[in-house]
N, C-alpha and C. Protein backbone atom coordinates (compact mmCIF):
# COMPACT_ATOMS: atom_id res chain seq x y z
N MET A 1 -37.59 30.14 16.57
CA MET A 1 -37.53 29.04 15.63
C MET A 1 -36.41 29.27 14.61
N ARG A 2 -36.35 30.51 14.11
CA ARG A 2 -35.33 30.85 13.13
C ARG A 2 -33.92 30.69 13.75
N ALA A 3 -33.78 31.10 15.00
CA ALA A 3 -32.49 30.98 15.69
C ALA A 3 -32.11 29.52 15.85
N PHE A 4 -33.09 28.67 16.14
CA PHE A 4 -32.83 27.24 16.29
C PHE A 4 -32.33 26.63 14.98
N ARG A 5 -32.99 26.99 13.86
CA ARG A 5 -32.55 26.49 12.55
C ARG A 5 -31.14 26.95 12.23
N PHE A 6 -30.85 28.20 12.52
CA PHE A 6 -29.51 28.75 12.27
C PHE A 6 -28.48 28.00 13.09
N LEU A 7 -28.80 27.79 14.36
CA LEU A 7 -27.88 27.07 15.24
C LEU A 7 -27.67 25.63 14.75
N SER A 8 -28.73 24.97 14.32
CA SER A 8 -28.63 23.61 13.79
C SER A 8 -27.75 23.57 12.55
N LEU A 9 -27.97 24.53 11.66
CA LEU A 9 -27.17 24.62 10.45
C LEU A 9 -25.70 24.85 10.79
N ALA A 10 -25.45 25.71 11.76
CA ALA A 10 -24.07 26.00 12.17
C ALA A 10 -23.39 24.75 12.73
N VAL A 11 -24.12 23.98 13.52
CA VAL A 11 -23.57 22.74 14.09
C VAL A 11 -23.24 21.73 12.99
N VAL A 12 -24.18 21.55 12.04
CA VAL A 12 -23.96 20.62 10.94
C VAL A 12 -22.74 21.05 10.11
N LEU A 13 -22.69 22.33 9.77
CA LEU A 13 -21.54 22.83 9.00
C LEU A 13 -20.24 22.66 9.78
N GLY A 14 -20.28 22.92 11.06
CA GLY A 14 -19.08 22.77 11.90
C GLY A 14 -18.59 21.33 11.91
N LEU A 15 -19.52 20.39 12.04
CA LEU A 15 -19.14 18.97 12.03
C LEU A 15 -18.59 18.57 10.67
N THR A 16 -19.22 19.04 9.61
CA THR A 16 -18.76 18.73 8.26
C THR A 16 -17.36 19.27 8.05
N MET A 17 -17.13 20.50 8.47
CA MET A 17 -15.81 21.11 8.29
C MET A 17 -14.75 20.38 9.10
N SER A 18 -15.08 19.93 10.30
CA SER A 18 -14.08 19.24 11.11
C SER A 18 -13.70 17.91 10.48
N VAL A 19 -14.64 17.24 9.84
CA VAL A 19 -14.34 15.99 9.15
C VAL A 19 -13.53 16.28 7.88
N ALA A 20 -13.95 17.28 7.14
CA ALA A 20 -13.29 17.60 5.87
C ALA A 20 -11.86 18.09 6.08
N THR A 21 -11.60 18.77 7.19
CA THR A 21 -10.26 19.29 7.42
C THR A 21 -9.47 18.41 8.38
N GLY A 22 -10.00 17.23 8.71
CA GLY A 22 -9.28 16.33 9.59
C GLY A 22 -7.94 15.96 9.00
N GLU A 23 -6.97 15.76 9.85
CA GLU A 23 -5.61 15.48 9.39
C GLU A 23 -5.53 14.09 8.76
N ASP A 24 -4.98 14.02 7.57
CA ASP A 24 -4.77 12.73 6.90
C ASP A 24 -3.65 11.99 7.60
N VAL A 25 -3.72 10.69 7.56
CA VAL A 25 -2.66 9.88 8.13
C VAL A 25 -1.46 9.89 7.18
N LYS A 26 -0.28 9.99 7.72
CA LYS A 26 0.94 9.97 6.92
C LYS A 26 1.74 8.74 7.34
N SER A 27 2.30 8.06 6.34
CA SER A 27 3.05 6.85 6.63
C SER A 27 4.03 6.58 5.49
N GLY A 28 5.19 6.13 5.83
CA GLY A 28 6.18 5.74 4.84
C GLY A 28 6.95 6.92 4.29
N PRO A 29 8.01 6.61 3.53
CA PRO A 29 8.86 7.66 2.97
C PRO A 29 8.15 8.43 1.85
N ASP A 30 8.51 9.71 1.70
CA ASP A 30 7.90 10.49 0.64
C ASP A 30 8.92 11.06 -0.34
N LYS A 31 10.21 10.90 -0.04
CA LYS A 31 11.24 11.41 -0.94
C LYS A 31 12.11 10.28 -1.51
N LYS A 32 12.59 9.39 -0.63
CA LYS A 32 13.46 8.29 -1.03
C LYS A 32 13.09 7.07 -0.19
N ILE A 33 13.09 5.89 -0.83
CA ILE A 33 12.73 4.68 -0.07
C ILE A 33 13.74 4.44 1.04
N GLY A 34 13.34 3.64 2.01
CA GLY A 34 14.18 3.37 3.17
C GLY A 34 15.25 2.32 2.95
N GLY A 35 15.35 1.78 1.75
CA GLY A 35 16.40 0.80 1.46
C GLY A 35 15.93 -0.63 1.58
N ALA A 36 16.91 -1.52 1.68
CA ALA A 36 16.69 -2.96 1.67
C ALA A 36 16.04 -3.45 2.96
N PHE A 37 15.20 -4.49 2.82
CA PHE A 37 14.63 -5.18 3.97
C PHE A 37 14.17 -6.56 3.51
N ASP A 38 14.19 -7.51 4.44
CA ASP A 38 13.83 -8.89 4.10
C ASP A 38 12.38 -9.20 4.40
N VAL A 39 11.82 -10.06 3.55
CA VAL A 39 10.46 -10.57 3.71
C VAL A 39 10.48 -12.06 3.46
N LYS A 40 9.45 -12.73 3.94
CA LYS A 40 9.25 -14.14 3.60
C LYS A 40 8.13 -14.18 2.56
N ALA A 41 8.46 -14.72 1.40
CA ALA A 41 7.47 -14.80 0.32
C ALA A 41 6.47 -15.91 0.63
N ILE A 42 5.19 -15.57 0.57
CA ILE A 42 4.11 -16.52 0.82
C ILE A 42 3.59 -17.05 -0.52
N THR A 43 3.56 -16.17 -1.54
CA THR A 43 3.11 -16.56 -2.87
C THR A 43 4.13 -16.07 -3.90
N GLY A 44 3.93 -16.45 -5.14
CA GLY A 44 4.81 -16.01 -6.20
C GLY A 44 5.92 -17.00 -6.46
N GLU A 45 6.79 -16.66 -7.39
CA GLU A 45 7.87 -17.56 -7.80
C GLU A 45 8.88 -17.82 -6.68
N LYS A 46 8.95 -16.96 -5.69
CA LYS A 46 9.89 -17.12 -4.57
C LYS A 46 9.21 -17.64 -3.30
N ALA A 47 8.01 -18.19 -3.41
CA ALA A 47 7.26 -18.67 -2.24
C ALA A 47 8.12 -19.58 -1.37
N GLY A 48 8.05 -19.31 -0.07
CA GLY A 48 8.80 -20.10 0.90
C GLY A 48 10.20 -19.59 1.18
N LYS A 49 10.67 -18.63 0.40
CA LYS A 49 12.03 -18.10 0.57
C LYS A 49 11.99 -16.75 1.28
N THR A 50 13.10 -16.45 1.95
CA THR A 50 13.29 -15.13 2.54
C THR A 50 14.19 -14.35 1.59
N LEU A 51 13.76 -13.16 1.23
CA LEU A 51 14.53 -12.35 0.28
C LEU A 51 14.21 -10.88 0.44
N CYS A 52 14.93 -10.06 -0.32
CA CYS A 52 14.72 -8.62 -0.35
C CYS A 52 14.20 -8.26 -1.73
N TYR A 53 12.92 -7.90 -1.83
CA TYR A 53 12.35 -7.53 -3.12
C TYR A 53 12.90 -6.19 -3.61
N VAL A 54 13.18 -5.26 -2.71
CA VAL A 54 13.78 -3.99 -3.12
C VAL A 54 15.12 -4.28 -3.81
N CYS A 55 15.90 -5.20 -3.24
CA CYS A 55 17.19 -5.59 -3.84
C CYS A 55 16.96 -6.28 -5.19
N LYS A 56 15.97 -7.16 -5.23
CA LYS A 56 15.65 -7.89 -6.46
C LYS A 56 15.27 -6.90 -7.57
N PHE A 57 14.39 -5.96 -7.26
CA PHE A 57 13.95 -4.99 -8.26
C PHE A 57 15.13 -4.12 -8.72
N GLY A 58 15.99 -3.74 -7.78
CA GLY A 58 17.17 -2.94 -8.13
C GLY A 58 18.13 -3.73 -9.01
N GLY A 59 18.37 -5.00 -8.66
CA GLY A 59 19.26 -5.86 -9.44
C GLY A 59 18.76 -6.13 -10.84
N GLU A 60 17.45 -6.12 -11.00
CA GLU A 60 16.84 -6.34 -12.31
C GLU A 60 16.67 -5.03 -13.09
N ALA A 61 17.15 -3.94 -12.50
CA ALA A 61 17.07 -2.60 -13.11
C ALA A 61 15.63 -2.25 -13.51
N ARG A 62 14.69 -2.57 -12.64
CA ARG A 62 13.28 -2.23 -12.91
C ARG A 62 13.14 -0.71 -12.88
N PRO A 63 12.40 -0.13 -13.83
CA PRO A 63 12.26 1.33 -13.86
C PRO A 63 11.42 1.88 -12.70
N ALA A 64 10.55 1.04 -12.13
CA ALA A 64 9.70 1.49 -11.03
C ALA A 64 9.19 0.28 -10.26
N ALA A 65 8.73 0.54 -9.03
CA ALA A 65 8.18 -0.52 -8.19
C ALA A 65 7.11 0.04 -7.28
N VAL A 66 6.23 -0.87 -6.84
CA VAL A 66 5.16 -0.52 -5.92
C VAL A 66 5.27 -1.43 -4.70
N LEU A 67 5.41 -0.84 -3.52
CA LEU A 67 5.44 -1.57 -2.26
C LEU A 67 4.13 -1.29 -1.55
N ILE A 68 3.37 -2.34 -1.26
CA ILE A 68 2.09 -2.20 -0.56
C ILE A 68 2.25 -2.83 0.82
N PHE A 69 2.34 -1.99 1.84
CA PHE A 69 2.44 -2.47 3.23
C PHE A 69 1.02 -2.54 3.78
N THR A 70 0.66 -3.65 4.42
CA THR A 70 -0.69 -3.77 4.95
C THR A 70 -0.71 -4.47 6.30
N GLN A 71 -1.61 -3.99 7.15
CA GLN A 71 -1.84 -4.61 8.45
C GLN A 71 -3.07 -5.51 8.43
N LYS A 72 -3.71 -5.61 7.26
CA LYS A 72 -4.93 -6.39 7.16
C LYS A 72 -5.02 -7.03 5.78
N ALA A 73 -5.47 -8.27 5.74
CA ALA A 73 -5.64 -8.99 4.48
C ALA A 73 -7.13 -9.29 4.30
N ASP A 74 -7.78 -8.51 3.42
CA ASP A 74 -9.20 -8.70 3.18
C ASP A 74 -9.53 -8.38 1.72
N ASP A 75 -10.81 -8.44 1.37
CA ASP A 75 -11.22 -8.21 -0.01
C ASP A 75 -10.95 -6.78 -0.47
N ASN A 76 -10.96 -5.82 0.44
CA ASN A 76 -10.62 -4.44 0.05
C ASN A 76 -9.16 -4.35 -0.37
N LEU A 77 -8.28 -5.02 0.35
CA LEU A 77 -6.87 -5.06 -0.04
C LEU A 77 -6.74 -5.71 -1.42
N VAL A 78 -7.50 -6.75 -1.65
CA VAL A 78 -7.47 -7.45 -2.95
C VAL A 78 -7.77 -6.47 -4.08
N GLU A 79 -8.70 -5.54 -3.88
CA GLU A 79 -9.03 -4.55 -4.92
C GLU A 79 -7.80 -3.71 -5.28
N VAL A 80 -7.04 -3.32 -4.27
CA VAL A 80 -5.82 -2.54 -4.50
C VAL A 80 -4.81 -3.39 -5.28
N VAL A 81 -4.61 -4.62 -4.84
CA VAL A 81 -3.63 -5.49 -5.48
C VAL A 81 -4.04 -5.80 -6.92
N LYS A 82 -5.32 -6.03 -7.16
CA LYS A 82 -5.78 -6.28 -8.52
C LYS A 82 -5.52 -5.08 -9.44
N ALA A 83 -5.70 -3.89 -8.92
CA ALA A 83 -5.43 -2.68 -9.71
C ALA A 83 -3.95 -2.60 -10.08
N VAL A 84 -3.09 -2.92 -9.13
CA VAL A 84 -1.64 -2.90 -9.38
C VAL A 84 -1.26 -4.07 -10.31
N ASP A 85 -1.88 -5.22 -10.11
CA ASP A 85 -1.65 -6.37 -11.00
C ASP A 85 -1.94 -5.99 -12.45
N ALA A 86 -3.03 -5.27 -12.68
CA ALA A 86 -3.41 -4.88 -14.04
C ALA A 86 -2.34 -4.00 -14.67
N VAL A 87 -1.76 -3.11 -13.89
CA VAL A 87 -0.68 -2.26 -14.41
C VAL A 87 0.54 -3.11 -14.71
N GLN A 88 0.85 -4.02 -13.79
CA GLN A 88 2.04 -4.87 -13.96
C GLN A 88 1.92 -5.76 -15.19
N LYS A 89 0.73 -6.24 -15.46
CA LYS A 89 0.52 -7.12 -16.62
C LYS A 89 0.80 -6.39 -17.94
N ASN A 90 0.56 -5.08 -17.97
CA ASN A 90 0.82 -4.28 -19.17
C ASN A 90 2.20 -3.63 -19.17
N ASN A 91 2.88 -3.71 -18.04
CA ASN A 91 4.22 -3.13 -17.88
C ASN A 91 5.08 -4.13 -17.11
N GLU A 92 5.55 -5.15 -17.79
CA GLU A 92 6.24 -6.26 -17.14
C GLU A 92 7.45 -5.84 -16.33
N LYS A 93 8.00 -4.68 -16.61
CA LYS A 93 9.19 -4.23 -15.88
C LYS A 93 8.85 -3.59 -14.53
N LEU A 94 7.57 -3.36 -14.27
CA LEU A 94 7.15 -2.80 -12.98
C LEU A 94 7.30 -3.87 -11.91
N GLY A 95 7.98 -3.54 -10.83
CA GLY A 95 8.10 -4.45 -9.69
C GLY A 95 6.96 -4.20 -8.72
N THR A 96 6.32 -5.27 -8.25
CA THR A 96 5.22 -5.12 -7.30
C THR A 96 5.33 -6.16 -6.20
N VAL A 97 5.00 -5.76 -4.98
CA VAL A 97 5.01 -6.69 -3.85
C VAL A 97 4.10 -6.15 -2.74
N VAL A 98 3.41 -7.07 -2.07
CA VAL A 98 2.61 -6.75 -0.89
C VAL A 98 3.38 -7.25 0.31
N ILE A 99 3.50 -6.41 1.34
CA ILE A 99 4.23 -6.78 2.54
C ILE A 99 3.28 -6.73 3.73
N GLY A 100 3.02 -7.88 4.32
CA GLY A 100 2.18 -7.95 5.52
C GLY A 100 2.99 -7.52 6.74
N VAL A 101 2.40 -6.64 7.54
CA VAL A 101 3.02 -6.16 8.77
C VAL A 101 1.98 -6.20 9.89
N GLY A 102 2.42 -6.01 11.11
CA GLY A 102 1.50 -5.86 12.23
C GLY A 102 0.63 -7.06 12.53
N GLY A 103 1.11 -8.24 12.27
CA GLY A 103 0.35 -9.43 12.62
C GLY A 103 -0.34 -10.13 11.47
N VAL A 104 -0.20 -9.65 10.24
CA VAL A 104 -0.75 -10.39 9.10
C VAL A 104 0.01 -11.72 9.03
N ALA A 105 -0.72 -12.80 8.92
CA ALA A 105 -0.12 -14.14 8.93
C ALA A 105 -0.10 -14.74 7.53
N ALA A 106 0.77 -15.70 7.34
CA ALA A 106 0.88 -16.41 6.06
C ALA A 106 -0.48 -16.98 5.65
N ALA A 107 -1.22 -17.52 6.60
CA ALA A 107 -2.53 -18.12 6.31
C ALA A 107 -3.50 -17.09 5.71
N ASP A 108 -3.39 -15.83 6.16
CA ASP A 108 -4.25 -14.76 5.62
C ASP A 108 -3.99 -14.59 4.13
N PHE A 109 -2.73 -14.55 3.75
CA PHE A 109 -2.37 -14.36 2.35
C PHE A 109 -2.63 -15.62 1.52
N GLU A 110 -2.42 -16.78 2.11
CA GLU A 110 -2.70 -18.03 1.38
C GLU A 110 -4.18 -18.11 1.01
N LYS A 111 -5.04 -17.70 1.93
CA LYS A 111 -6.48 -17.71 1.68
C LYS A 111 -6.83 -16.76 0.54
N ILE A 112 -6.28 -15.55 0.57
CA ILE A 112 -6.53 -14.57 -0.49
C ILE A 112 -6.05 -15.11 -1.84
N GLN A 113 -4.86 -15.69 -1.84
CA GLN A 113 -4.29 -16.18 -3.10
C GLN A 113 -5.13 -17.32 -3.68
N THR A 114 -5.60 -18.21 -2.83
CA THR A 114 -6.43 -19.33 -3.28
C THR A 114 -7.71 -18.82 -3.95
N THR A 115 -8.29 -17.80 -3.37
CA THR A 115 -9.54 -17.25 -3.88
C THR A 115 -9.36 -16.36 -5.10
N HIS A 116 -8.30 -15.54 -5.12
CA HIS A 116 -8.19 -14.49 -6.13
C HIS A 116 -7.06 -14.65 -7.15
N LYS A 117 -6.13 -15.55 -6.93
CA LYS A 117 -5.05 -15.80 -7.91
C LYS A 117 -4.35 -14.50 -8.34
N LEU A 118 -3.78 -13.79 -7.38
CA LEU A 118 -3.11 -12.52 -7.64
C LEU A 118 -1.73 -12.74 -8.26
N THR A 119 -1.29 -11.79 -9.07
CA THR A 119 0.03 -11.85 -9.69
C THR A 119 1.10 -11.32 -8.75
N THR A 120 0.81 -10.22 -8.07
CA THR A 120 1.76 -9.59 -7.16
C THR A 120 2.08 -10.54 -6.01
N PRO A 121 3.37 -10.75 -5.71
CA PRO A 121 3.74 -11.62 -4.59
C PRO A 121 3.23 -11.07 -3.26
N LEU A 122 2.73 -11.96 -2.44
CA LEU A 122 2.27 -11.62 -1.09
C LEU A 122 3.35 -12.10 -0.13
N THR A 123 3.84 -11.20 0.72
CA THR A 123 4.96 -11.52 1.60
C THR A 123 4.67 -11.03 3.02
N ILE A 124 5.47 -11.51 3.95
CA ILE A 124 5.39 -11.06 5.34
C ILE A 124 6.75 -10.47 5.71
N ALA A 125 6.75 -9.26 6.29
CA ALA A 125 7.99 -8.61 6.71
C ALA A 125 8.65 -9.41 7.82
N GLU A 126 9.97 -9.49 7.76
CA GLU A 126 10.73 -10.17 8.83
C GLU A 126 10.54 -9.43 10.15
N ASP A 127 10.52 -8.11 10.11
CA ASP A 127 10.25 -7.29 11.30
C ASP A 127 8.73 -7.09 11.35
N LYS A 128 8.09 -7.60 12.38
CA LYS A 128 6.62 -7.57 12.49
C LYS A 128 6.01 -6.20 12.20
N ASP A 129 6.68 -5.14 12.63
CA ASP A 129 6.15 -3.79 12.44
C ASP A 129 6.60 -3.16 11.12
N GLY A 130 7.27 -3.94 10.30
CA GLY A 130 7.77 -3.44 9.02
C GLY A 130 9.17 -2.86 9.20
N PRO A 131 9.84 -2.59 8.09
CA PRO A 131 11.20 -2.07 8.18
C PRO A 131 11.23 -0.68 8.83
N LYS A 132 12.04 -0.52 9.84
CA LYS A 132 12.09 0.74 10.59
C LYS A 132 12.43 1.93 9.71
N ALA A 133 13.31 1.73 8.73
CA ALA A 133 13.73 2.82 7.85
C ALA A 133 12.59 3.37 6.98
N TYR A 134 11.46 2.67 6.94
CA TYR A 134 10.32 3.11 6.14
C TYR A 134 9.33 3.95 6.94
N SER A 135 9.54 4.07 8.24
CA SER A 135 8.71 4.93 9.10
C SER A 135 7.22 4.71 8.89
N LEU A 136 6.79 3.45 8.97
CA LEU A 136 5.37 3.13 8.81
C LEU A 136 4.60 3.58 10.04
N ASN A 137 3.48 4.23 9.83
CA ASN A 137 2.62 4.70 10.90
C ASN A 137 1.65 3.58 11.27
N LYS A 138 1.58 3.23 12.56
CA LYS A 138 0.68 2.16 13.00
C LYS A 138 -0.79 2.50 12.77
N ASP A 139 -1.11 3.78 12.61
CA ASP A 139 -2.49 4.20 12.34
C ASP A 139 -2.86 4.01 10.87
N ALA A 140 -1.88 3.77 10.02
CA ALA A 140 -2.12 3.53 8.60
C ALA A 140 -2.21 2.02 8.38
N VAL A 141 -3.40 1.54 8.10
CA VAL A 141 -3.59 0.11 7.87
C VAL A 141 -2.94 -0.30 6.55
N VAL A 142 -2.97 0.62 5.58
CA VAL A 142 -2.33 0.37 4.28
C VAL A 142 -1.44 1.57 3.94
N THR A 143 -0.20 1.28 3.58
CA THR A 143 0.74 2.29 3.08
C THR A 143 1.25 1.80 1.74
N VAL A 144 1.15 2.64 0.72
CA VAL A 144 1.62 2.27 -0.62
C VAL A 144 2.72 3.26 -1.01
N VAL A 145 3.87 2.72 -1.39
CA VAL A 145 5.00 3.54 -1.82
C VAL A 145 5.31 3.18 -3.27
N VAL A 146 5.22 4.17 -4.15
CA VAL A 146 5.56 3.99 -5.56
C VAL A 146 6.89 4.71 -5.76
N TYR A 147 7.88 3.99 -6.28
CA TYR A 147 9.18 4.62 -6.48
C TYR A 147 9.80 4.21 -7.81
N GLN A 148 10.76 5.02 -8.25
CA GLN A 148 11.45 4.75 -9.50
C GLN A 148 12.86 4.22 -9.22
N LYS A 149 13.47 3.70 -10.28
CA LYS A 149 14.84 3.18 -10.21
C LYS A 149 15.71 4.19 -9.47
N GLY A 150 16.49 3.72 -8.53
CA GLY A 150 17.32 4.61 -7.72
C GLY A 150 16.68 4.95 -6.39
N GLY A 151 15.38 4.66 -6.24
CA GLY A 151 14.72 4.84 -4.94
C GLY A 151 13.94 6.12 -4.74
N ALA A 152 13.84 6.98 -5.76
CA ALA A 152 13.08 8.23 -5.60
C ALA A 152 11.59 7.92 -5.55
N VAL A 153 10.94 8.32 -4.46
CA VAL A 153 9.51 8.09 -4.29
C VAL A 153 8.75 9.06 -5.19
N THR A 154 7.87 8.51 -6.03
CA THR A 154 7.05 9.36 -6.90
C THR A 154 5.67 9.59 -6.31
N LYS A 155 5.20 8.67 -5.48
CA LYS A 155 3.88 8.83 -4.85
C LYS A 155 3.84 7.97 -3.59
N ASN A 156 3.20 8.50 -2.57
CA ASN A 156 3.02 7.81 -1.30
C ASN A 156 1.55 7.93 -0.92
N PHE A 157 0.96 6.80 -0.57
CA PHE A 157 -0.43 6.77 -0.14
C PHE A 157 -0.48 6.14 1.26
N ALA A 158 -1.34 6.65 2.12
CA ALA A 158 -1.55 6.06 3.43
C ALA A 158 -3.04 6.10 3.76
N PHE A 159 -3.54 4.98 4.27
CA PHE A 159 -4.98 4.86 4.52
C PHE A 159 -5.22 4.28 5.91
N LYS A 160 -6.24 4.79 6.58
CA LYS A 160 -6.60 4.28 7.90
C LYS A 160 -7.33 2.95 7.83
N THR A 161 -7.93 2.66 6.66
CA THR A 161 -8.67 1.41 6.50
C THR A 161 -8.40 0.83 5.12
N THR A 162 -8.63 -0.46 4.97
CA THR A 162 -8.49 -1.08 3.65
C THR A 162 -9.61 -0.60 2.73
N LYS A 163 -10.73 -0.22 3.29
CA LYS A 163 -11.83 0.30 2.47
C LYS A 163 -11.42 1.61 1.80
N GLU A 164 -10.75 2.49 2.53
CA GLU A 164 -10.24 3.74 1.95
C GLU A 164 -9.23 3.43 0.85
N ALA A 165 -8.38 2.44 1.08
CA ALA A 165 -7.38 2.06 0.08
C ALA A 165 -8.06 1.55 -1.18
N ALA A 166 -9.08 0.72 -1.02
CA ALA A 166 -9.81 0.19 -2.18
C ALA A 166 -10.44 1.31 -2.99
N ALA A 167 -10.95 2.33 -2.29
CA ALA A 167 -11.57 3.46 -2.98
C ALA A 167 -10.55 4.24 -3.81
N ALA A 168 -9.28 4.14 -3.45
CA ALA A 168 -8.21 4.86 -4.16
C ALA A 168 -7.42 3.94 -5.10
N ALA A 169 -7.92 2.74 -5.35
CA ALA A 169 -7.18 1.77 -6.18
C ALA A 169 -6.83 2.33 -7.56
N LYS A 170 -7.75 3.06 -8.17
CA LYS A 170 -7.48 3.64 -9.50
C LYS A 170 -6.36 4.68 -9.43
N ASP A 171 -6.33 5.46 -8.35
CA ASP A 171 -5.28 6.46 -8.19
C ASP A 171 -3.92 5.78 -7.99
N ILE A 172 -3.91 4.70 -7.23
CA ILE A 172 -2.68 3.95 -7.02
C ILE A 172 -2.19 3.35 -8.34
N ALA A 173 -3.10 2.78 -9.10
CA ALA A 173 -2.75 2.22 -10.41
C ALA A 173 -2.21 3.31 -11.35
N ALA A 174 -2.83 4.47 -11.32
CA ALA A 174 -2.38 5.59 -12.17
C ALA A 174 -0.97 6.03 -11.77
N ALA A 175 -0.68 6.06 -10.48
CA ALA A 175 0.65 6.44 -10.01
C ALA A 175 1.69 5.41 -10.44
N ALA A 176 1.32 4.14 -10.39
CA ALA A 176 2.23 3.07 -10.83
C ALA A 176 2.50 3.17 -12.33
N THR A 177 1.45 3.45 -13.09
CA THR A 177 1.59 3.60 -14.55
C THR A 177 2.51 4.78 -14.87
N ALA A 178 2.32 5.90 -14.20
CA ALA A 178 3.13 7.08 -14.44
C ALA A 178 4.60 6.84 -14.06
N ALA A 179 4.84 6.11 -12.99
CA ALA A 179 6.20 5.87 -12.52
C ALA A 179 7.00 4.98 -13.46
N VAL A 180 6.33 4.03 -14.10
CA VAL A 180 7.04 3.06 -14.95
C VAL A 180 7.39 3.63 -16.32
N LYS A 181 6.79 4.76 -16.70
CA LYS A 181 7.05 5.35 -18.03
C LYS A 181 8.35 6.10 -18.06
């Protein structure tokens, strides 16, 4: 009986350790952004236009920006965007944009915008898989890149699900706040 309990405990600990030490998903640049890329704006002041937000932020000499790449548009994503919106509202010079990739459609973002009235522009990447220079991992449903003027990445987040991203919304907001100072 004692041996059975020990074996059970060992199995449980082994499973816990394998989950805890599982490899995190990596996606996007971690040192310098991948440069310019075009998106179609679905919401915001540029709705309906094709433009480069990285270029726009650079031209406006914004001290920092947050790029949120997503393969899914749901309420968990909204939590991330709301956290970034809150930072942007207190730091008007922060550039923020959501980029739909991997099949996110304009209708997905229009629905979210109608329901939640987000400040951050919702856009769709011209290249369905996202800009190649950003090395987005298809296993990362959400990739967030926080960078400062000049393109130096200050923080990179990658999540396998939008639920994981929502759980880290405060951390993403904190990284955006730190980058803009």
